Amino acid sequence: RSHFGSSTFAPCPRRKTLLHNKYSMGNTGQKVHHLLDKIEAGDSGAVEQLWDALDKDRSGSLSEKETADLITQLTRELREGWDELPPERQTHLAKSMMKYFVQDKLDPERSGQIDKAQFTARLMDILRVEE
């Protein structure tokens, strides 16, 4: 399972299947799998190569659908691999994601303003755990 960016853990054996199905067009899925392994091993240059593999039309940006698919797939992989991560890696990932999670839940429009009704409803949403 994935360990996202950690060079101290083995590469994800399931990622090839997970991402190959999502991004496969010829060898693209295998390429994505290989690049993610390189990134996990600390190869920052592989990020550029991964971008090139995902930006199929070379437009310089991912389409709305490509972005949504990527986020969905990475989220799924994180959730599926969570229980197998060492506790210290879980703690690190949870702490790094917490601010963004709370911000997105409390102020999803990023307006910088939240009224009492929004706060109440959104705080309750934060405290619910999705399985």
N, C-alpha and C. Protein backbone atom coordinates (compact mmCIF):
# COMPACT_ATOMS: atom_id res chain seq x y z
N ARG A 1 0.84 -1.19 0.00
CA ARG A 1 0.00 0.00 0.00
C ARG A 1 0.88 1.25 0.00
N SER A 2 0.30 2.34 -0.36
CA SER A 2 1.08 3.55 -0.55
C SER A 2 1.52 4.15 0.78
N HIS A 3 2.67 4.77 0.73
CA HIS A 3 3.18 5.47 1.90
C HIS A 3 3.46 6.93 1.58
N PHE A 4 3.06 7.41 0.41
CA PHE A 4 3.12 8.79 -0.04
C PHE A 4 4.31 9.58 0.47
N GLY A 5 5.37 9.49 -0.26
CA GLY A 5 6.51 10.35 -0.03
C GLY A 5 7.49 9.86 1.00
N SER A 6 7.29 8.74 1.58
CA SER A 6 8.21 8.26 2.58
C SER A 6 9.27 7.39 1.94
N SER A 7 10.52 7.73 2.15
CA SER A 7 11.58 6.93 1.58
C SER A 7 11.96 5.78 2.51
N THR A 8 11.33 5.67 3.66
CA THR A 8 11.69 4.62 4.60
C THR A 8 10.77 3.41 4.53
N PHE A 9 9.80 3.42 3.63
CA PHE A 9 8.86 2.31 3.52
C PHE A 9 8.90 1.72 2.12
N ALA A 10 8.52 0.47 2.01
CA ALA A 10 8.51 -0.21 0.71
C ALA A 10 7.45 0.39 -0.20
N PRO A 11 7.68 0.35 -1.53
CA PRO A 11 6.68 0.84 -2.47
C PRO A 11 5.38 0.06 -2.37
N CYS A 12 4.33 0.66 -2.87
CA CYS A 12 3.00 0.08 -2.80
C CYS A 12 2.83 -1.03 -3.83
N PRO A 13 2.66 -2.29 -3.41
CA PRO A 13 2.47 -3.36 -4.37
C PRO A 13 1.12 -3.30 -5.07
N ARG A 14 0.09 -2.72 -4.44
CA ARG A 14 -1.24 -2.65 -5.04
C ARG A 14 -1.41 -1.45 -5.96
N ARG A 15 -0.53 -0.45 -5.87
CA ARG A 15 -0.73 0.78 -6.61
C ARG A 15 -0.79 0.52 -8.11
N LYS A 16 0.00 -0.44 -8.60
CA LYS A 16 -0.02 -0.72 -10.02
C LYS A 16 -1.43 -1.02 -10.49
N THR A 17 -2.15 -1.83 -9.73
CA THR A 17 -3.52 -2.17 -10.09
C THR A 17 -4.43 -0.96 -9.93
N LEU A 18 -4.32 -0.26 -8.82
CA LEU A 18 -5.20 0.86 -8.55
C LEU A 18 -5.06 1.96 -9.60
N LEU A 19 -3.84 2.38 -9.86
CA LEU A 19 -3.65 3.48 -10.79
C LEU A 19 -3.61 3.02 -12.24
N HIS A 20 -3.21 1.80 -12.48
CA HIS A 20 -3.19 1.31 -13.85
C HIS A 20 -4.60 1.33 -14.42
N ASN A 21 -5.57 0.90 -13.65
CA ASN A 21 -6.95 0.91 -14.12
C ASN A 21 -7.44 2.32 -14.37
N LYS A 22 -7.03 3.28 -13.56
CA LYS A 22 -7.53 4.63 -13.65
C LYS A 22 -6.89 5.41 -14.79
N TYR A 23 -5.60 5.24 -15.00
CA TYR A 23 -4.89 6.07 -15.95
C TYR A 23 -4.34 5.30 -17.13
N SER A 24 -4.80 4.07 -17.33
CA SER A 24 -4.16 3.28 -18.37
C SER A 24 -4.60 3.72 -19.76
N MET A 25 -3.64 3.95 -20.55
CA MET A 25 -3.75 4.18 -21.99
C MET A 25 -2.39 3.72 -22.47
N GLY A 26 -2.32 2.49 -22.89
CA GLY A 26 -1.02 1.93 -23.22
C GLY A 26 -0.24 1.69 -21.96
N ASN A 27 0.96 2.25 -21.88
CA ASN A 27 1.84 2.03 -20.73
C ASN A 27 1.72 3.12 -19.67
N THR A 28 0.77 4.05 -19.81
CA THR A 28 0.69 5.17 -18.88
C THR A 28 0.50 4.72 -17.45
N GLY A 29 -0.39 3.74 -17.20
CA GLY A 29 -0.62 3.26 -15.84
C GLY A 29 0.64 2.68 -15.23
N GLN A 30 1.38 1.91 -16.00
CA GLN A 30 2.62 1.34 -15.50
C GLN A 30 3.63 2.45 -15.23
N LYS A 31 3.65 3.45 -16.10
CA LYS A 31 4.56 4.57 -15.93
C LYS A 31 4.23 5.34 -14.65
N VAL A 32 2.94 5.60 -14.41
CA VAL A 32 2.51 6.31 -13.20
C VAL A 32 2.93 5.52 -11.97
N HIS A 33 2.70 4.22 -11.98
CA HIS A 33 3.08 3.36 -10.87
C HIS A 33 4.58 3.47 -10.59
N HIS A 34 5.38 3.37 -11.63
CA HIS A 34 6.83 3.45 -11.50
C HIS A 34 7.25 4.81 -10.95
N LEU A 35 6.64 5.87 -11.45
CA LEU A 35 7.00 7.22 -11.00
C LEU A 35 6.62 7.44 -9.53
N LEU A 36 5.48 6.94 -9.11
CA LEU A 36 5.10 7.08 -7.70
C LEU A 36 6.09 6.35 -6.80
N ASP A 37 6.56 5.19 -7.24
CA ASP A 37 7.59 4.49 -6.47
C ASP A 37 8.86 5.33 -6.37
N LYS A 38 9.25 5.99 -7.46
CA LYS A 38 10.44 6.84 -7.45
C LYS A 38 10.25 8.03 -6.51
N ILE A 39 9.05 8.62 -6.52
CA ILE A 39 8.78 9.75 -5.64
C ILE A 39 8.86 9.30 -4.19
N GLU A 40 8.27 8.14 -3.89
CA GLU A 40 8.34 7.61 -2.52
C GLU A 40 9.77 7.36 -2.08
N ALA A 41 10.65 7.04 -3.03
CA ALA A 41 12.06 6.81 -2.71
C ALA A 41 12.84 8.11 -2.60
N GLY A 42 12.17 9.26 -2.81
CA GLY A 42 12.81 10.55 -2.63
C GLY A 42 13.26 11.22 -3.91
N ASP A 43 12.90 10.71 -5.07
CA ASP A 43 13.29 11.29 -6.35
C ASP A 43 12.33 12.42 -6.72
N SER A 44 12.69 13.65 -6.39
CA SER A 44 11.79 14.79 -6.65
C SER A 44 11.65 15.07 -8.15
N GLY A 45 12.60 14.67 -8.95
CA GLY A 45 12.49 14.85 -10.39
C GLY A 45 11.38 14.03 -11.00
N ALA A 46 10.99 12.97 -10.31
CA ALA A 46 9.92 12.12 -10.81
C ALA A 46 8.56 12.83 -10.74
N VAL A 47 8.45 13.88 -9.93
CA VAL A 47 7.20 14.64 -9.86
C VAL A 47 6.92 15.27 -11.22
N GLU A 48 7.94 15.84 -11.85
CA GLU A 48 7.78 16.43 -13.18
C GLU A 48 7.38 15.37 -14.20
N GLN A 49 8.01 14.22 -14.12
CA GLN A 49 7.68 13.13 -15.03
C GLN A 49 6.25 12.64 -14.80
N LEU A 50 5.83 12.59 -13.53
CA LEU A 50 4.46 12.18 -13.22
C LEU A 50 3.47 13.18 -13.82
N TRP A 51 3.76 14.46 -13.66
CA TRP A 51 2.89 15.48 -14.24
C TRP A 51 2.74 15.27 -15.73
N ASP A 52 3.85 15.03 -16.40
CA ASP A 52 3.80 14.82 -17.85
C ASP A 52 2.95 13.61 -18.21
N ALA A 53 2.98 12.57 -17.36
CA ALA A 53 2.17 11.38 -17.62
C ALA A 53 0.68 11.66 -17.42
N LEU A 54 0.35 12.53 -16.47
CA LEU A 54 -1.05 12.84 -16.17
C LEU A 54 -1.62 13.89 -17.12
N ASP A 55 -0.80 14.83 -17.57
CA ASP A 55 -1.24 15.91 -18.46
C ASP A 55 -1.14 15.39 -19.90
N LYS A 56 -2.07 14.53 -20.24
CA LYS A 56 -2.02 13.82 -21.52
C LYS A 56 -2.03 14.73 -22.74
N ASP A 57 -2.76 15.84 -22.67
CA ASP A 57 -2.84 16.72 -23.85
C ASP A 57 -1.76 17.81 -23.83
N ARG A 58 -0.87 17.76 -22.83
CA ARG A 58 0.23 18.71 -22.70
C ARG A 58 -0.24 20.16 -22.66
N SER A 59 -1.42 20.38 -22.09
CA SER A 59 -1.97 21.73 -22.00
C SER A 59 -1.34 22.55 -20.88
N GLY A 60 -0.66 21.88 -19.97
CA GLY A 60 -0.08 22.58 -18.83
C GLY A 60 -0.98 22.58 -17.62
N SER A 61 -2.18 22.02 -17.77
CA SER A 61 -3.09 21.89 -16.63
C SER A 61 -3.97 20.66 -16.84
N LEU A 62 -4.41 20.10 -15.72
CA LEU A 62 -5.32 18.96 -15.80
C LEU A 62 -6.74 19.49 -15.93
N SER A 63 -7.54 18.83 -16.73
CA SER A 63 -8.94 19.22 -16.87
C SER A 63 -9.66 19.00 -15.54
N GLU A 64 -10.84 19.55 -15.43
CA GLU A 64 -11.63 19.37 -14.22
C GLU A 64 -11.85 17.89 -13.93
N LYS A 65 -12.17 17.12 -14.96
CA LYS A 65 -12.39 15.68 -14.78
C LYS A 65 -11.10 14.96 -14.40
N GLU A 66 -9.99 15.29 -15.05
CA GLU A 66 -8.70 14.66 -14.73
C GLU A 66 -8.32 14.96 -13.28
N THR A 67 -8.54 16.19 -12.85
CA THR A 67 -8.22 16.57 -11.48
C THR A 67 -9.11 15.82 -10.49
N ALA A 68 -10.40 15.78 -10.76
CA ALA A 68 -11.33 15.07 -9.87
C ALA A 68 -10.98 13.59 -9.80
N ASP A 69 -10.66 12.98 -10.94
CA ASP A 69 -10.28 11.57 -10.97
C ASP A 69 -9.01 11.33 -10.17
N LEU A 70 -8.03 12.21 -10.32
CA LEU A 70 -6.77 12.07 -9.60
C LEU A 70 -7.00 12.17 -8.10
N ILE A 71 -7.75 13.17 -7.67
CA ILE A 71 -8.03 13.35 -6.24
C ILE A 71 -8.79 12.15 -5.69
N THR A 72 -9.78 11.69 -6.42
CA THR A 72 -10.56 10.52 -5.98
C THR A 72 -9.66 9.31 -5.83
N GLN A 73 -8.80 9.06 -6.80
CA GLN A 73 -7.94 7.88 -6.77
C GLN A 73 -6.92 7.95 -5.64
N LEU A 74 -6.28 9.10 -5.47
CA LEU A 74 -5.30 9.23 -4.39
C LEU A 74 -5.96 9.12 -3.02
N THR A 75 -7.16 9.70 -2.89
CA THR A 75 -7.90 9.58 -1.63
C THR A 75 -8.24 8.13 -1.35
N ARG A 76 -8.73 7.44 -2.36
CA ARG A 76 -9.08 6.02 -2.21
C ARG A 76 -7.85 5.21 -1.78
N GLU A 77 -6.74 5.47 -2.43
CA GLU A 77 -5.52 4.72 -2.11
C GLU A 77 -5.06 5.00 -0.68
N LEU A 78 -5.14 6.26 -0.26
CA LEU A 78 -4.77 6.59 1.12
C LEU A 78 -5.67 5.87 2.11
N ARG A 79 -6.98 5.92 1.87
CA ARG A 79 -7.92 5.25 2.78
C ARG A 79 -7.70 3.75 2.82
N GLU A 80 -7.51 3.13 1.65
CA GLU A 80 -7.34 1.68 1.61
C GLU A 80 -6.04 1.24 2.27
N GLY A 81 -5.02 2.07 2.23
CA GLY A 81 -3.74 1.71 2.81
C GLY A 81 -3.51 2.20 4.21
N TRP A 82 -4.46 2.96 4.74
CA TRP A 82 -4.27 3.62 6.04
C TRP A 82 -3.92 2.65 7.16
N ASP A 83 -4.66 1.57 7.29
CA ASP A 83 -4.46 0.64 8.41
C ASP A 83 -3.10 -0.05 8.36
N GLU A 84 -2.48 -0.10 7.21
CA GLU A 84 -1.18 -0.75 7.08
C GLU A 84 -0.01 0.22 7.28
N LEU A 85 -0.29 1.50 7.37
CA LEU A 85 0.78 2.47 7.62
C LEU A 85 1.26 2.37 9.05
N PRO A 86 2.55 2.52 9.28
CA PRO A 86 3.05 2.57 10.65
C PRO A 86 2.43 3.76 11.39
N PRO A 87 2.21 3.64 12.68
CA PRO A 87 1.56 4.71 13.44
C PRO A 87 2.22 6.08 13.27
N GLU A 88 3.55 6.12 13.21
CA GLU A 88 4.22 7.42 13.08
C GLU A 88 3.93 8.06 11.72
N ARG A 89 3.73 7.24 10.68
CA ARG A 89 3.39 7.76 9.36
C ARG A 89 1.95 8.25 9.34
N GLN A 90 1.06 7.53 10.03
CA GLN A 90 -0.33 7.97 10.14
C GLN A 90 -0.40 9.32 10.84
N THR A 91 0.36 9.46 11.92
CA THR A 91 0.38 10.70 12.67
C THR A 91 0.89 11.85 11.80
N HIS A 92 1.97 11.61 11.08
CA HIS A 92 2.53 12.65 10.22
C HIS A 92 1.53 13.09 9.15
N LEU A 93 0.91 12.14 8.48
CA LEU A 93 -0.06 12.48 7.44
C LEU A 93 -1.28 13.19 8.01
N ALA A 94 -1.78 12.70 9.14
CA ALA A 94 -2.96 13.33 9.76
C ALA A 94 -2.65 14.77 10.15
N LYS A 95 -1.50 15.00 10.74
CA LYS A 95 -1.15 16.37 11.14
C LYS A 95 -0.97 17.27 9.93
N SER A 96 -0.38 16.76 8.87
CA SER A 96 -0.15 17.61 7.70
C SER A 96 -1.45 17.93 6.95
N MET A 97 -2.45 17.06 7.07
CA MET A 97 -3.72 17.28 6.36
C MET A 97 -4.76 18.03 7.19
N MET A 98 -4.57 18.08 8.50
CA MET A 98 -5.59 18.59 9.40
C MET A 98 -6.01 20.03 9.10
N LYS A 99 -5.06 20.94 8.94
CA LYS A 99 -5.39 22.34 8.70
C LYS A 99 -6.25 22.49 7.44
N TYR A 100 -5.88 21.80 6.38
CA TYR A 100 -6.61 21.91 5.12
C TYR A 100 -8.00 21.30 5.21
N PHE A 101 -8.11 20.21 5.94
CA PHE A 101 -9.40 19.57 6.14
C PHE A 101 -10.35 20.50 6.90
N VAL A 102 -9.88 21.05 8.01
CA VAL A 102 -10.71 21.95 8.82
C VAL A 102 -11.07 23.20 8.02
N GLN A 103 -10.11 23.77 7.32
CA GLN A 103 -10.38 24.97 6.51
C GLN A 103 -11.43 24.67 5.44
N ASP A 104 -11.28 23.56 4.73
CA ASP A 104 -12.24 23.21 3.68
C ASP A 104 -13.63 22.94 4.24
N LYS A 105 -13.71 22.37 5.43
CA LYS A 105 -15.02 22.09 6.03
C LYS A 105 -15.67 23.34 6.60
N LEU A 106 -14.91 24.18 7.28
CA LEU A 106 -15.49 25.37 7.90
C LEU A 106 -15.75 26.50 6.91
N ASP A 107 -14.89 26.66 5.93
CA ASP A 107 -15.02 27.77 4.98
C ASP A 107 -14.79 27.25 3.55
N PRO A 108 -15.70 26.38 3.05
CA PRO A 108 -15.48 25.77 1.73
C PRO A 108 -15.46 26.78 0.58
N GLU A 109 -16.09 27.94 0.76
CA GLU A 109 -16.08 28.97 -0.28
C GLU A 109 -14.84 29.84 -0.19
N ARG A 110 -14.07 29.66 0.89
CA ARG A 110 -12.86 30.46 1.16
C ARG A 110 -13.15 31.95 1.15
N SER A 111 -14.30 32.30 1.73
CA SER A 111 -14.69 33.70 1.81
C SER A 111 -14.03 34.42 2.98
N GLY A 112 -13.56 33.64 3.97
CA GLY A 112 -12.98 34.25 5.16
C GLY A 112 -14.01 34.63 6.20
N GLN A 113 -15.29 34.34 5.92
CA GLN A 113 -16.36 34.67 6.86
C GLN A 113 -17.24 33.44 7.07
N ILE A 114 -17.61 33.24 8.35
CA ILE A 114 -18.46 32.11 8.71
C ILE A 114 -19.48 32.62 9.72
N ASP A 115 -20.77 32.41 9.47
CA ASP A 115 -21.77 32.81 10.46
C ASP A 115 -22.03 31.65 11.42
N LYS A 116 -22.81 31.92 12.46
CA LYS A 116 -23.04 30.93 13.52
C LYS A 116 -23.72 29.67 12.99
N ALA A 117 -24.69 29.81 12.12
CA ALA A 117 -25.39 28.65 11.57
C ALA A 117 -24.43 27.78 10.74
N GLN A 118 -23.60 28.43 9.93
CA GLN A 118 -22.61 27.68 9.14
C GLN A 118 -21.62 26.98 10.06
N PHE A 119 -21.15 27.70 11.07
CA PHE A 119 -20.19 27.12 12.02
C PHE A 119 -20.77 25.89 12.68
N THR A 120 -22.00 26.00 13.16
CA THR A 120 -22.64 24.89 13.86
C THR A 120 -22.78 23.67 12.95
N ALA A 121 -23.32 23.87 11.77
CA ALA A 121 -23.52 22.75 10.84
C ALA A 121 -22.19 22.16 10.38
N ARG A 122 -21.26 23.02 10.07
CA ARG A 122 -19.98 22.55 9.53
C ARG A 122 -19.11 21.89 10.59
N LEU A 123 -19.19 22.38 11.82
CA LEU A 123 -18.43 21.74 12.90
C LEU A 123 -18.95 20.33 13.14
N MET A 124 -20.25 20.17 13.09
CA MET A 124 -20.83 18.84 13.25
C MET A 124 -20.35 17.92 12.12
N ASP A 125 -20.22 18.46 10.92
CA ASP A 125 -19.73 17.69 9.78
C ASP A 125 -18.28 17.27 9.98
N ILE A 126 -17.47 18.13 10.54
CA ILE A 126 -16.06 17.82 10.80
C ILE A 126 -15.95 16.62 11.74
N LEU A 127 -16.82 16.59 12.73
CA LEU A 127 -16.71 15.56 13.76
C LEU A 127 -17.28 14.21 13.34
N ARG A 128 -17.99 14.17 12.21
CA ARG A 128 -18.48 12.89 11.68
C ARG A 128 -17.35 12.21 10.93
N VAL A 129 -17.19 10.93 11.13
CA VAL A 129 -16.15 10.16 10.45
C VAL A 129 -16.77 9.38 9.31
N GLU A 130 -16.20 9.54 8.11
CA GLU A 130 -16.66 8.76 6.96
C GLU A 130 -15.86 7.47 6.93
N GLU A 131 -16.55 6.40 6.71
CA GLU A 131 -15.87 5.10 6.60
C GLU A 131 -15.72 4.72 5.17
